[in-house]
Amino acid sequence: ICEENQTVLTISSLQTMAITWLSPRLAQFQMENPQFAVRVRTSQHLVDFTTEAVDLAVRYGPGSWPGVTAEKLFDCHYAPLCSPELRERLQLREPADLLRAPLLSADEGAWKDWFADLGLDMPRPGGRSMSLEMQAMSVQAAMRGHGVAMAVPELFAYDIAAGRLVYAVEHVVRDEWAYWVVYPTERQRVRKIRLFRDWILAEARAAQMTLPVMASSR
């Protein structure tokens, strides 16, 4: 049951996407469309538009979900990110340099995949290594100089542009999945859905133009 109140716009999103990418931009949409009360709900599960009062969702995945229209916001990559101070202090220049760097959430599969893409063996996490539940938490720790986070740079374009985050070394791995804006196909002409869809696609295009993503190896 999508939200029938045409003055309320309800969006579902994963937590990290909502915190790092959507919420910093959403105020602009609200200012441009004061007729809507915008609500953002975060959850890990796929929204069921037939039973939940949600107008659109921002999903991460392959983009092939039945019964909905999915339009790609951006492809994803994985890259090691850290503060510029940490990169300089540890003299991080080549991928092998990360073998001696403090890795945040080193138990995550993305780290193993990144090292494997380079033909390097993943270092064993030390007993005192920090493991954080959300990517956003790892990146916050990285910005404070606590280590290197394996993250999706597309989600942290503002921090990279501001110089708070840098690529620890110049190697990224292409993710097979992407971020999408998703909505019920039969409601695509509803004004609030159409307005938000057009706005978020434009925001995604603008963000990609300013993000210095390194050439991917996949």
N, C-alpha and C. Protein backbone atom coordinates (compact mmCIF):
# COMPACT_ATOMS: atom_id res chain seq x y z
N ILE A 1 0.86 -1.18 0.00
CA ILE A 1 0.00 0.00 0.00
C ILE A 1 0.89 1.23 0.00
N CYS A 2 1.14 1.79 -1.13
CA CYS A 2 1.96 2.98 -1.21
C CYS A 2 1.24 4.14 -0.51
N GLU A 3 2.02 5.11 -0.09
CA GLU A 3 1.46 6.24 0.63
C GLU A 3 0.51 7.01 -0.28
N GLU A 4 -0.81 7.00 0.10
CA GLU A 4 -1.81 7.64 -0.74
C GLU A 4 -1.91 9.13 -0.49
N ASN A 5 -1.45 9.62 0.65
CA ASN A 5 -1.45 11.03 0.94
C ASN A 5 -0.47 11.73 0.01
N GLN A 6 -0.97 12.55 -0.88
CA GLN A 6 -0.12 13.17 -1.89
C GLN A 6 0.75 14.29 -1.35
N THR A 7 0.61 14.62 -0.05
CA THR A 7 1.49 15.62 0.55
C THR A 7 2.63 14.97 1.33
N VAL A 8 2.64 13.65 1.42
CA VAL A 8 3.68 12.93 2.13
C VAL A 8 4.46 12.07 1.14
N LEU A 9 5.79 12.18 1.16
CA LEU A 9 6.65 11.37 0.31
C LEU A 9 7.50 10.50 1.22
N THR A 10 7.34 9.18 1.12
CA THR A 10 8.06 8.25 1.98
C THR A 10 9.07 7.45 1.17
N ILE A 11 10.32 7.51 1.61
CA ILE A 11 11.43 6.85 0.91
C ILE A 11 12.07 5.84 1.84
N SER A 12 12.36 4.67 1.32
CA SER A 12 13.06 3.64 2.08
C SER A 12 14.49 3.53 1.56
N SER A 13 15.43 3.35 2.49
CA SER A 13 16.83 3.27 2.09
C SER A 13 17.62 2.45 3.10
N LEU A 14 18.72 1.87 2.64
CA LEU A 14 19.67 1.27 3.55
C LEU A 14 20.30 2.37 4.41
N GLN A 15 20.76 2.01 5.60
CA GLN A 15 21.25 3.01 6.54
C GLN A 15 22.44 3.81 6.02
N THR A 16 23.47 3.13 5.54
CA THR A 16 24.66 3.85 5.10
C THR A 16 24.34 4.79 3.95
N MET A 17 23.55 4.34 2.99
CA MET A 17 23.15 5.19 1.88
C MET A 17 22.38 6.40 2.38
N ALA A 18 21.46 6.19 3.32
CA ALA A 18 20.66 7.29 3.83
C ALA A 18 21.52 8.31 4.56
N ILE A 19 22.48 7.83 5.36
CA ILE A 19 23.30 8.71 6.19
C ILE A 19 24.31 9.49 5.35
N THR A 20 25.00 8.80 4.45
CA THR A 20 26.15 9.40 3.78
C THR A 20 25.83 10.08 2.46
N TRP A 21 24.82 9.58 1.74
CA TRP A 21 24.56 10.10 0.39
C TRP A 21 23.23 10.85 0.30
N LEU A 22 22.17 10.21 0.82
CA LEU A 22 20.83 10.78 0.61
C LEU A 22 20.56 11.98 1.51
N SER A 23 20.79 11.83 2.81
CA SER A 23 20.38 12.90 3.73
C SER A 23 21.11 14.23 3.50
N PRO A 24 22.40 14.23 3.13
CA PRO A 24 23.03 15.54 2.88
C PRO A 24 22.43 16.28 1.68
N ARG A 25 21.79 15.55 0.79
CA ARG A 25 21.23 16.15 -0.42
C ARG A 25 19.74 16.42 -0.31
N LEU A 26 19.09 15.75 0.62
CA LEU A 26 17.62 15.75 0.65
C LEU A 26 17.03 17.11 1.00
N ALA A 27 17.76 17.91 1.77
CA ALA A 27 17.25 19.23 2.14
C ALA A 27 16.98 20.08 0.90
N GLN A 28 17.80 19.90 -0.14
CA GLN A 28 17.60 20.67 -1.37
C GLN A 28 16.28 20.28 -2.04
N PHE A 29 15.99 18.97 -2.06
CA PHE A 29 14.71 18.53 -2.63
C PHE A 29 13.56 19.10 -1.82
N GLN A 30 13.67 19.09 -0.49
CA GLN A 30 12.60 19.62 0.35
C GLN A 30 12.39 21.10 0.11
N MET A 31 13.47 21.85 -0.06
CA MET A 31 13.36 23.29 -0.34
C MET A 31 12.69 23.55 -1.68
N GLU A 32 13.01 22.70 -2.66
CA GLU A 32 12.43 22.88 -4.00
C GLU A 32 10.99 22.39 -4.07
N ASN A 33 10.61 21.54 -3.12
CA ASN A 33 9.26 20.96 -3.12
C ASN A 33 8.64 21.04 -1.72
N PRO A 34 8.37 22.26 -1.25
CA PRO A 34 7.85 22.43 0.11
C PRO A 34 6.45 21.87 0.31
N GLN A 35 5.79 21.48 -0.79
CA GLN A 35 4.44 20.93 -0.67
C GLN A 35 4.45 19.52 -0.10
N PHE A 36 5.64 18.89 -0.02
CA PHE A 36 5.73 17.51 0.48
C PHE A 36 6.36 17.48 1.87
N ALA A 37 5.85 16.58 2.69
CA ALA A 37 6.54 16.21 3.93
C ALA A 37 7.34 14.96 3.60
N VAL A 38 8.66 15.08 3.63
CA VAL A 38 9.53 13.99 3.22
C VAL A 38 9.89 13.13 4.43
N ARG A 39 9.71 11.82 4.28
CA ARG A 39 10.06 10.87 5.32
C ARG A 39 11.06 9.86 4.76
N VAL A 40 12.08 9.58 5.53
CA VAL A 40 13.06 8.56 5.14
C VAL A 40 13.04 7.45 6.18
N ARG A 41 12.81 6.24 5.72
CA ARG A 41 12.84 5.07 6.59
C ARG A 41 14.04 4.21 6.22
N THR A 42 14.79 3.78 7.20
CA THR A 42 15.93 2.91 6.92
C THR A 42 15.61 1.48 7.33
N SER A 43 16.03 0.55 6.49
CA SER A 43 15.84 -0.87 6.79
C SER A 43 16.80 -1.68 5.94
N GLN A 44 17.02 -2.90 6.35
CA GLN A 44 17.91 -3.80 5.62
C GLN A 44 17.15 -4.68 4.63
N HIS A 45 15.84 -4.78 4.80
CA HIS A 45 15.07 -5.69 3.96
C HIS A 45 14.54 -4.98 2.71
N LEU A 46 14.20 -5.75 1.72
CA LEU A 46 13.59 -5.20 0.51
C LEU A 46 12.16 -4.79 0.81
N VAL A 47 11.83 -3.57 0.44
CA VAL A 47 10.48 -3.07 0.69
C VAL A 47 9.47 -3.81 -0.17
N ASP A 48 8.35 -4.13 0.43
CA ASP A 48 7.22 -4.69 -0.30
C ASP A 48 6.21 -3.57 -0.51
N PHE A 49 6.16 -3.04 -1.73
CA PHE A 49 5.30 -1.90 -2.00
C PHE A 49 3.81 -2.22 -1.86
N THR A 50 3.48 -3.51 -1.89
CA THR A 50 2.07 -3.89 -1.77
C THR A 50 1.58 -3.89 -0.33
N THR A 51 2.50 -3.95 0.63
CA THR A 51 2.10 -4.03 2.04
C THR A 51 2.65 -2.89 2.89
N GLU A 52 3.63 -2.14 2.38
CA GLU A 52 4.24 -1.08 3.18
C GLU A 52 3.94 0.29 2.57
N ALA A 53 3.76 1.27 3.44
CA ALA A 53 3.43 2.63 3.01
C ALA A 53 4.71 3.36 2.60
N VAL A 54 5.27 2.96 1.46
CA VAL A 54 6.50 3.53 0.93
C VAL A 54 6.28 3.88 -0.54
N ASP A 55 6.73 5.07 -0.93
CA ASP A 55 6.55 5.52 -2.32
C ASP A 55 7.68 5.05 -3.22
N LEU A 56 8.92 5.24 -2.76
CA LEU A 56 10.10 4.83 -3.52
C LEU A 56 11.10 4.21 -2.57
N ALA A 57 12.02 3.45 -3.13
CA ALA A 57 13.11 2.88 -2.33
C ALA A 57 14.42 3.10 -3.06
N VAL A 58 15.48 3.26 -2.29
CA VAL A 58 16.83 3.27 -2.84
C VAL A 58 17.46 1.94 -2.46
N ARG A 59 17.71 1.11 -3.47
CA ARG A 59 18.17 -0.25 -3.22
C ARG A 59 19.56 -0.48 -3.78
N TYR A 60 20.24 -1.42 -3.15
CA TYR A 60 21.54 -1.88 -3.61
C TYR A 60 21.39 -3.33 -4.06
N GLY A 61 21.77 -3.60 -5.30
CA GLY A 61 21.61 -4.96 -5.79
C GLY A 61 21.78 -5.05 -7.29
N PRO A 62 21.28 -6.14 -7.87
CA PRO A 62 21.46 -6.37 -9.30
C PRO A 62 20.50 -5.57 -10.18
N GLY A 63 19.43 -5.04 -9.59
CA GLY A 63 18.48 -4.23 -10.36
C GLY A 63 17.36 -4.99 -11.01
N SER A 64 17.31 -6.29 -10.79
CA SER A 64 16.29 -7.13 -11.44
C SER A 64 15.28 -7.63 -10.42
N TRP A 65 14.43 -6.70 -9.95
CA TRP A 65 13.40 -7.07 -8.99
C TRP A 65 12.05 -7.13 -9.69
N PRO A 66 11.27 -8.17 -9.45
CA PRO A 66 9.98 -8.32 -10.15
C PRO A 66 8.95 -7.30 -9.67
N GLY A 67 8.15 -6.82 -10.60
CA GLY A 67 7.01 -5.98 -10.26
C GLY A 67 7.31 -4.53 -10.00
N VAL A 68 8.57 -4.12 -10.18
CA VAL A 68 8.93 -2.72 -9.93
C VAL A 68 9.79 -2.19 -11.07
N THR A 69 9.83 -0.88 -11.18
CA THR A 69 10.76 -0.22 -12.10
C THR A 69 11.99 0.18 -11.31
N ALA A 70 13.16 -0.21 -11.81
CA ALA A 70 14.43 0.11 -11.15
C ALA A 70 15.29 0.90 -12.13
N GLU A 71 15.69 2.10 -11.73
CA GLU A 71 16.56 2.93 -12.57
C GLU A 71 17.89 3.15 -11.84
N LYS A 72 18.98 2.91 -12.54
CA LYS A 72 20.30 2.94 -11.89
C LYS A 72 20.69 4.36 -11.50
N LEU A 73 21.12 4.48 -10.24
CA LEU A 73 21.68 5.74 -9.76
C LEU A 73 23.17 5.80 -10.08
N PHE A 74 23.91 4.77 -9.66
CA PHE A 74 25.34 4.73 -9.97
C PHE A 74 25.89 3.34 -9.73
N ASP A 75 26.94 3.01 -10.49
CA ASP A 75 27.70 1.80 -10.24
C ASP A 75 28.53 1.98 -8.99
N CYS A 76 28.93 0.88 -8.41
CA CYS A 76 29.72 0.93 -7.18
C CYS A 76 31.11 0.34 -7.39
N HIS A 77 32.06 0.86 -6.64
CA HIS A 77 33.41 0.34 -6.58
C HIS A 77 33.78 0.15 -5.11
N TYR A 78 34.83 -0.60 -4.88
CA TYR A 78 35.39 -0.70 -3.54
C TYR A 78 36.81 -0.16 -3.58
N ALA A 79 37.13 0.65 -2.58
CA ALA A 79 38.46 1.26 -2.53
C ALA A 79 38.84 1.51 -1.07
N PRO A 80 40.13 1.45 -0.76
CA PRO A 80 40.57 1.76 0.59
C PRO A 80 40.64 3.28 0.77
N LEU A 81 39.93 3.78 1.78
CA LEU A 81 39.87 5.21 2.04
C LEU A 81 40.44 5.51 3.42
N CYS A 82 41.09 6.66 3.55
CA CYS A 82 41.65 7.05 4.84
C CYS A 82 41.78 8.56 4.88
N SER A 83 42.25 9.08 6.00
CA SER A 83 42.52 10.51 6.11
C SER A 83 43.82 10.83 5.38
N PRO A 84 43.95 12.04 4.85
CA PRO A 84 45.21 12.39 4.20
C PRO A 84 46.40 12.35 5.16
N GLU A 85 46.13 12.64 6.43
CA GLU A 85 47.22 12.61 7.42
C GLU A 85 47.74 11.19 7.62
N LEU A 86 46.83 10.21 7.68
CA LEU A 86 47.27 8.83 7.87
C LEU A 86 48.04 8.33 6.66
N ARG A 87 47.56 8.67 5.47
CA ARG A 87 48.27 8.24 4.25
C ARG A 87 49.69 8.77 4.23
N GLU A 88 49.85 10.02 4.64
CA GLU A 88 51.18 10.62 4.64
C GLU A 88 52.04 10.04 5.75
N ARG A 89 51.46 9.87 6.93
CA ARG A 89 52.24 9.37 8.07
C ARG A 89 52.76 7.96 7.82
N LEU A 90 51.93 7.11 7.18
CA LEU A 90 52.32 5.73 6.91
C LEU A 90 53.01 5.57 5.56
N GLN A 91 53.10 6.68 4.81
CA GLN A 91 53.73 6.64 3.49
C GLN A 91 53.09 5.56 2.61
N LEU A 92 51.77 5.64 2.49
CA LEU A 92 51.04 4.66 1.68
C LEU A 92 51.14 5.08 0.22
N ARG A 93 51.78 4.26 -0.57
CA ARG A 93 51.98 4.58 -1.99
C ARG A 93 51.51 3.44 -2.90
N GLU A 94 51.86 2.22 -2.53
CA GLU A 94 51.54 1.04 -3.34
C GLU A 94 50.56 0.15 -2.57
N PRO A 95 49.78 -0.69 -3.30
CA PRO A 95 48.84 -1.59 -2.61
C PRO A 95 49.48 -2.44 -1.51
N ALA A 96 50.71 -2.91 -1.75
CA ALA A 96 51.37 -3.75 -0.74
C ALA A 96 51.63 -2.99 0.56
N ASP A 97 51.63 -1.65 0.50
CA ASP A 97 51.83 -0.87 1.72
C ASP A 97 50.71 -1.07 2.73
N LEU A 98 49.54 -1.46 2.25
CA LEU A 98 48.42 -1.66 3.16
C LEU A 98 48.58 -2.91 4.02
N LEU A 99 49.52 -3.77 3.65
CA LEU A 99 49.76 -4.96 4.46
C LEU A 99 50.28 -4.60 5.85
N ARG A 100 50.82 -3.38 5.99
CA ARG A 100 51.33 -2.95 7.29
C ARG A 100 50.50 -1.82 7.89
N ALA A 101 49.34 -1.54 7.30
CA ALA A 101 48.48 -0.46 7.79
C ALA A 101 47.36 -1.01 8.66
N PRO A 102 46.84 -0.21 9.59
CA PRO A 102 45.68 -0.66 10.38
C PRO A 102 44.42 -0.66 9.52
N LEU A 103 43.83 -1.82 9.34
CA LEU A 103 42.65 -1.98 8.49
C LEU A 103 41.40 -2.02 9.37
N LEU A 104 40.43 -1.18 9.05
CA LEU A 104 39.18 -1.15 9.79
C LEU A 104 38.22 -2.19 9.24
N SER A 105 37.55 -2.91 10.13
CA SER A 105 36.61 -3.97 9.74
C SER A 105 37.28 -4.92 8.75
N ALA A 106 38.48 -5.37 9.12
CA ALA A 106 39.28 -6.20 8.22
C ALA A 106 38.68 -7.58 7.99
N ASP A 107 37.65 -7.93 8.76
CA ASP A 107 37.01 -9.23 8.57
C ASP A 107 35.97 -9.21 7.45
N GLU A 108 35.73 -8.06 6.85
CA GLU A 108 34.74 -7.97 5.77
C GLU A 108 35.30 -8.57 4.48
N GLY A 109 34.41 -9.21 3.72
CA GLY A 109 34.82 -9.88 2.49
C GLY A 109 35.39 -8.94 1.45
N ALA A 110 34.99 -7.67 1.47
CA ALA A 110 35.48 -6.72 0.47
C ALA A 110 36.98 -6.53 0.57
N TRP A 111 37.53 -6.60 1.77
CA TRP A 111 38.98 -6.49 1.93
C TRP A 111 39.68 -7.67 1.25
N LYS A 112 39.17 -8.86 1.51
CA LYS A 112 39.77 -10.05 0.91
C LYS A 112 39.71 -10.00 -0.61
N ASP A 113 38.55 -9.56 -1.14
CA ASP A 113 38.40 -9.46 -2.59
C ASP A 113 39.36 -8.43 -3.18
N TRP A 114 39.55 -7.32 -2.48
CA TRP A 114 40.43 -6.26 -2.98
C TRP A 114 41.87 -6.75 -3.05
N PHE A 115 42.34 -7.40 -1.98
CA PHE A 115 43.70 -7.93 -1.99
C PHE A 115 43.85 -9.04 -3.04
N ALA A 116 42.83 -9.90 -3.16
CA ALA A 116 42.89 -10.99 -4.14
C ALA A 116 42.96 -10.45 -5.56
N ASP A 117 42.28 -9.33 -5.82
CA ASP A 117 42.30 -8.73 -7.15
C ASP A 117 43.71 -8.30 -7.55
N LEU A 118 44.54 -8.05 -6.54
CA LEU A 118 45.93 -7.65 -6.77
C LEU A 118 46.90 -8.81 -6.68
N GLY A 119 46.37 -10.01 -6.38
CA GLY A 119 47.24 -11.17 -6.21
C GLY A 119 47.99 -11.16 -4.90
N LEU A 120 47.45 -10.45 -3.90
CA LEU A 120 48.08 -10.37 -2.59
C LEU A 120 47.28 -11.18 -1.58
N ASP A 121 47.97 -11.78 -0.63
CA ASP A 121 47.28 -12.48 0.44
C ASP A 121 46.81 -11.48 1.47
N MET A 122 45.56 -11.65 1.88
CA MET A 122 44.97 -10.78 2.89
C MET A 122 45.69 -10.97 4.22
N PRO A 123 46.17 -9.89 4.83
CA PRO A 123 46.80 -10.05 6.15
C PRO A 123 45.78 -10.46 7.20
N ARG A 124 46.21 -11.24 8.14
CA ARG A 124 45.31 -11.65 9.21
C ARG A 124 45.03 -10.48 10.14
N PRO A 125 43.73 -10.23 10.43
CA PRO A 125 43.42 -9.14 11.35
C PRO A 125 44.07 -9.40 12.71
N GLY A 126 44.67 -8.38 13.29
CA GLY A 126 45.25 -8.53 14.62
C GLY A 126 44.18 -8.61 15.68
N GLY A 127 44.54 -9.08 16.84
CA GLY A 127 43.56 -9.24 17.91
C GLY A 127 42.96 -7.93 18.36
N ARG A 128 43.67 -6.82 18.10
CA ARG A 128 43.17 -5.52 18.53
C ARG A 128 42.56 -4.73 17.38
N SER A 129 42.29 -5.37 16.27
CA SER A 129 41.72 -4.64 15.14
C SER A 129 40.27 -4.26 15.43
N MET A 130 39.86 -3.15 14.85
CA MET A 130 38.52 -2.62 15.10
C MET A 130 37.55 -3.11 14.04
N SER A 131 36.42 -3.66 14.46
CA SER A 131 35.40 -4.13 13.53
C SER A 131 34.11 -3.36 13.81
N LEU A 132 33.59 -2.70 12.78
CA LEU A 132 32.42 -1.83 12.93
C LEU A 132 31.28 -2.35 12.05
N GLU A 133 30.08 -2.20 12.56
CA GLU A 133 28.92 -2.84 11.91
C GLU A 133 28.56 -2.21 10.58
N MET A 134 28.66 -0.89 10.47
CA MET A 134 28.24 -0.19 9.27
C MET A 134 29.42 0.43 8.55
N GLN A 135 29.34 0.47 7.23
CA GLN A 135 30.38 1.11 6.43
C GLN A 135 30.56 2.57 6.84
N ALA A 136 29.45 3.24 7.13
CA ALA A 136 29.53 4.64 7.53
C ALA A 136 30.35 4.81 8.80
N MET A 137 30.26 3.86 9.72
CA MET A 137 31.03 3.92 10.96
C MET A 137 32.52 3.74 10.68
N SER A 138 32.85 2.80 9.79
CA SER A 138 34.25 2.58 9.44
C SER A 138 34.86 3.83 8.81
N VAL A 139 34.09 4.48 7.94
CA VAL A 139 34.61 5.66 7.26
C VAL A 139 34.76 6.83 8.24
N GLN A 140 33.84 6.95 9.19
CA GLN A 140 33.99 7.99 10.22
C GLN A 140 35.29 7.77 11.00
N ALA A 141 35.56 6.53 11.35
CA ALA A 141 36.80 6.21 12.06
C ALA A 141 38.02 6.51 11.18
N ALA A 142 37.90 6.20 9.89
CA ALA A 142 39.00 6.47 8.97
C ALA A 142 39.29 7.97 8.87
N MET A 143 38.24 8.79 8.81
CA MET A 143 38.44 10.23 8.71
C MET A 143 39.14 10.79 9.95
N ARG A 144 39.00 10.10 11.06
CA ARG A 144 39.65 10.54 12.29
C ARG A 144 41.04 9.93 12.45
N GLY A 145 41.51 9.25 11.40
CA GLY A 145 42.87 8.76 11.42
C GLY A 145 43.09 7.45 12.13
N HIS A 146 42.00 6.71 12.39
CA HIS A 146 42.13 5.46 13.14
C HIS A 146 42.52 4.26 12.28
N GLY A 147 42.49 4.41 10.96
CA GLY A 147 42.84 3.30 10.09
C GLY A 147 42.34 3.52 8.69
N VAL A 148 42.37 2.46 7.90
CA VAL A 148 41.94 2.50 6.50
C VAL A 148 40.63 1.71 6.38
N ALA A 149 39.64 2.30 5.76
CA ALA A 149 38.34 1.66 5.59
C ALA A 149 38.17 1.22 4.15
N MET A 150 37.65 0.01 3.95
CA MET A 150 37.27 -0.43 2.61
C MET A 150 35.83 0.00 2.40
N ALA A 151 35.61 0.88 1.43
CA ALA A 151 34.30 1.50 1.29
C ALA A 151 33.97 1.80 -0.16
N VAL A 152 32.73 2.18 -0.39
CA VAL A 152 32.24 2.56 -1.71
C VAL A 152 32.45 4.07 -1.86
N PRO A 153 33.44 4.52 -2.62
CA PRO A 153 33.72 5.96 -2.69
C PRO A 153 32.55 6.78 -3.21
N GLU A 154 31.70 6.17 -4.03
CA GLU A 154 30.54 6.89 -4.54
C GLU A 154 29.64 7.40 -3.43
N LEU A 155 29.63 6.68 -2.29
CA LEU A 155 28.78 7.09 -1.17
C LEU A 155 29.39 8.25 -0.38
N PHE A 156 30.68 8.50 -0.57
CA PHE A 156 31.37 9.50 0.24
C PHE A 156 31.97 10.60 -0.62
N ALA A 157 31.27 10.94 -1.71
CA ALA A 157 31.78 11.92 -2.66
C ALA A 157 32.02 13.27 -2.01
N TYR A 158 31.13 13.70 -1.10
CA TYR A 158 31.30 14.98 -0.43
C TYR A 158 32.60 15.02 0.37
N ASP A 159 32.86 13.96 1.14
CA ASP A 159 34.05 13.92 1.99
C ASP A 159 35.33 13.86 1.16
N ILE A 160 35.27 13.14 0.02
CA ILE A 160 36.44 13.07 -0.85
C ILE A 160 36.70 14.43 -1.50
N ALA A 161 35.63 15.08 -1.96
CA ALA A 161 35.78 16.39 -2.59
C ALA A 161 36.31 17.43 -1.60
N ALA A 162 35.92 17.29 -0.33
CA ALA A 162 36.35 18.25 0.69
C ALA A 162 37.75 17.95 1.22
N GLY A 163 38.32 16.79 0.82
CA GLY A 163 39.66 16.45 1.26
C GLY A 163 39.72 15.77 2.61
N ARG A 164 38.55 15.46 3.18
CA ARG A 164 38.54 14.75 4.46
C ARG A 164 38.91 13.28 4.30
N LEU A 165 38.65 12.76 3.10
CA LEU A 165 38.98 11.38 2.77
C LEU A 165 39.82 11.37 1.50
N VAL A 166 40.75 10.42 1.43
CA VAL A 166 41.54 10.22 0.22
C VAL A 166 41.62 8.72 -0.06
N TYR A 167 41.95 8.38 -1.30
CA TYR A 167 42.25 7.00 -1.62
C TYR A 167 43.59 6.65 -0.98
N ALA A 168 43.60 5.60 -0.15
CA ALA A 168 44.85 5.22 0.51
C ALA A 168 45.91 4.85 -0.53
N VAL A 169 45.51 4.10 -1.55
CA VAL A 169 46.35 3.80 -2.71
C VAL A 169 45.43 3.77 -3.93
N GLU A 170 46.00 3.87 -5.08
CA GLU A 170 45.19 4.01 -6.30
C GLU A 170 44.84 2.66 -6.90
N HIS A 171 43.89 2.00 -6.26
CA HIS A 171 43.37 0.77 -6.85
C HIS A 171 41.94 0.57 -6.37
N VAL A 172 41.02 0.41 -7.31
CA VAL A 172 39.63 0.16 -6.97
C VAL A 172 39.18 -1.14 -7.64
N VAL A 173 38.18 -1.74 -7.06
CA VAL A 173 37.59 -2.96 -7.62
C VAL A 173 36.12 -2.69 -7.91
N ARG A 174 35.70 -3.03 -9.09
CA ARG A 174 34.31 -2.80 -9.49
C ARG A 174 33.39 -3.81 -8.80
N ASP A 175 32.32 -3.28 -8.22
CA ASP A 175 31.31 -4.13 -7.60
C ASP A 175 30.35 -4.62 -8.68
N GLU A 176 29.85 -5.82 -8.52
CA GLU A 176 28.90 -6.35 -9.50
C GLU A 176 27.52 -5.72 -9.34
N TRP A 177 27.24 -5.17 -8.18
CA TRP A 177 25.94 -4.56 -7.91
C TRP A 177 26.03 -3.04 -7.98
N ALA A 178 24.87 -2.39 -7.94
CA ALA A 178 24.80 -0.94 -8.05
C ALA A 178 23.69 -0.42 -7.13
N TYR A 179 23.55 0.90 -7.08
CA TYR A 179 22.43 1.52 -6.37
C TYR A 179 21.37 1.94 -7.37
N TRP A 180 20.11 1.75 -6.97
CA TRP A 180 18.97 1.99 -7.85
C TRP A 180 17.89 2.76 -7.12
N VAL A 181 17.12 3.55 -7.86
CA VAL A 181 15.88 4.10 -7.32
C VAL A 181 14.76 3.22 -7.86
N VAL A 182 13.90 2.76 -6.97
CA VAL A 182 12.91 1.74 -7.30
C VAL A 182 11.52 2.21 -6.88
N TYR A 183 10.53 1.93 -7.71
CA TYR A 183 9.15 2.32 -7.39
C TYR A 183 8.20 1.40 -8.15
N PRO A 184 6.94 1.31 -7.69
CA PRO A 184 5.98 0.45 -8.38
C PRO A 184 5.71 0.96 -9.79
N THR A 185 5.81 0.08 -10.75
CA THR A 185 5.66 0.48 -12.15
C THR A 185 4.31 1.15 -12.41
N GLU A 186 3.28 0.65 -11.76
CA GLU A 186 1.93 1.19 -12.02
C GLU A 186 1.74 2.59 -11.43
N ARG A 187 2.69 3.06 -10.62
CA ARG A 187 2.55 4.38 -10.00
C ARG A 187 3.58 5.37 -10.53
N GLN A 188 4.19 5.05 -11.66
CA GLN A 188 5.28 5.88 -12.16
C GLN A 188 4.84 7.28 -12.58
N ARG A 189 3.54 7.47 -12.84
CA ARG A 189 3.06 8.79 -13.25
C ARG A 189 2.56 9.63 -12.08
N VAL A 190 2.56 9.06 -10.88
CA VAL A 190 2.18 9.83 -9.70
C VAL A 190 3.18 10.98 -9.53
N ARG A 191 2.68 12.18 -9.32
CA ARG A 191 3.52 13.38 -9.38
C ARG A 191 4.67 13.34 -8.39
N LYS A 192 4.41 12.98 -7.14
CA LYS A 192 5.48 13.02 -6.14
C LYS A 192 6.56 11.98 -6.45
N ILE A 193 6.16 10.85 -7.00
CA ILE A 193 7.14 9.82 -7.38
C ILE A 193 7.96 10.31 -8.56
N ARG A 194 7.30 10.88 -9.53
CA ARG A 194 8.00 11.38 -10.72
C ARG A 194 8.99 12.49 -10.36
N LEU A 195 8.57 13.41 -9.49
CA LEU A 195 9.44 14.52 -9.11
C LEU A 195 10.68 14.03 -8.37
N PHE A 196 10.49 13.10 -7.43
CA PHE A 196 11.64 12.61 -6.68
C PHE A 196 12.55 11.78 -7.57
N ARG A 197 11.96 10.95 -8.42
CA ARG A 197 12.76 10.14 -9.35
C ARG A 197 13.64 11.03 -10.21
N ASP A 198 13.09 12.07 -10.81
CA ASP A 198 13.86 12.96 -11.67
C ASP A 198 14.96 13.66 -10.87
N TRP A 199 14.64 14.07 -9.65
CA TRP A 199 15.61 14.79 -8.83
C TRP A 199 16.77 13.89 -8.43
N ILE A 200 16.50 12.68 -7.95
CA ILE A 200 17.57 11.83 -7.46
C ILE A 200 18.46 11.33 -8.60
N LEU A 201 17.89 11.11 -9.78
CA LEU A 201 18.70 10.72 -10.92
C LEU A 201 19.64 11.86 -11.32
N ALA A 202 19.14 13.09 -11.27
CA ALA A 202 19.98 14.25 -11.59
C ALA A 202 21.09 14.41 -10.55
N GLU A 203 20.77 14.20 -9.27
CA GLU A 203 21.77 14.29 -8.21
C GLU A 203 22.87 13.23 -8.41
N ALA A 204 22.46 12.04 -8.78
CA ALA A 204 23.43 10.96 -8.98
C ALA A 204 24.36 11.28 -10.15
N ARG A 205 23.81 11.83 -11.22
CA ARG A 205 24.65 12.22 -12.37
C ARG A 205 25.64 13.29 -11.96
N ALA A 206 25.19 14.29 -11.21
CA ALA A 206 26.07 15.38 -10.80
C ALA A 206 27.18 14.87 -9.88
N ALA A 207 26.84 13.95 -8.99
CA ALA A 207 27.84 13.41 -8.07
C ALA A 207 28.91 12.64 -8.82
N GLN A 208 28.52 11.90 -9.83
CA GLN A 208 29.49 11.12 -10.59
C GLN A 208 30.46 12.00 -11.36
N MET A 209 30.00 13.17 -11.76
CA MET A 209 30.86 14.08 -12.52
C MET A 209 31.97 14.66 -11.65
N THR A 210 31.76 14.70 -10.34
CA THR A 210 32.74 15.34 -9.46
C THR A 210 33.61 14.32 -8.71
N LEU A 211 33.32 13.03 -8.83
CA LEU A 211 34.03 12.04 -8.04
C LEU A 211 35.22 11.46 -8.81
N PRO A 212 36.43 11.56 -8.27
CA PRO A 212 37.60 11.00 -8.97
C PRO A 212 37.77 9.52 -8.69
N VAL A 213 36.93 8.69 -9.31
CA VAL A 213 37.06 7.24 -9.13
C VAL A 213 38.20 6.74 -10.01
N MET A 214 39.07 5.96 -9.42
CA MET A 214 40.19 5.42 -10.19
C MET A 214 39.70 4.38 -11.21
N ALA A 215 40.51 4.11 -12.19
CA ALA A 215 40.17 3.09 -13.18
C ALA A 215 40.02 1.74 -12.48
N SER A 216 38.91 1.08 -12.80
CA SER A 216 38.63 -0.20 -12.14
C SER A 216 39.35 -1.34 -12.81
N SER A 217 39.62 -2.37 -12.00
CA SER A 217 40.31 -3.54 -12.54
C SER A 217 39.34 -4.59 -13.05
N ARG A 218 38.02 -4.33 -12.88
CA ARG A 218 37.05 -5.32 -13.35
C ARG A 218 36.06 -4.67 -14.29
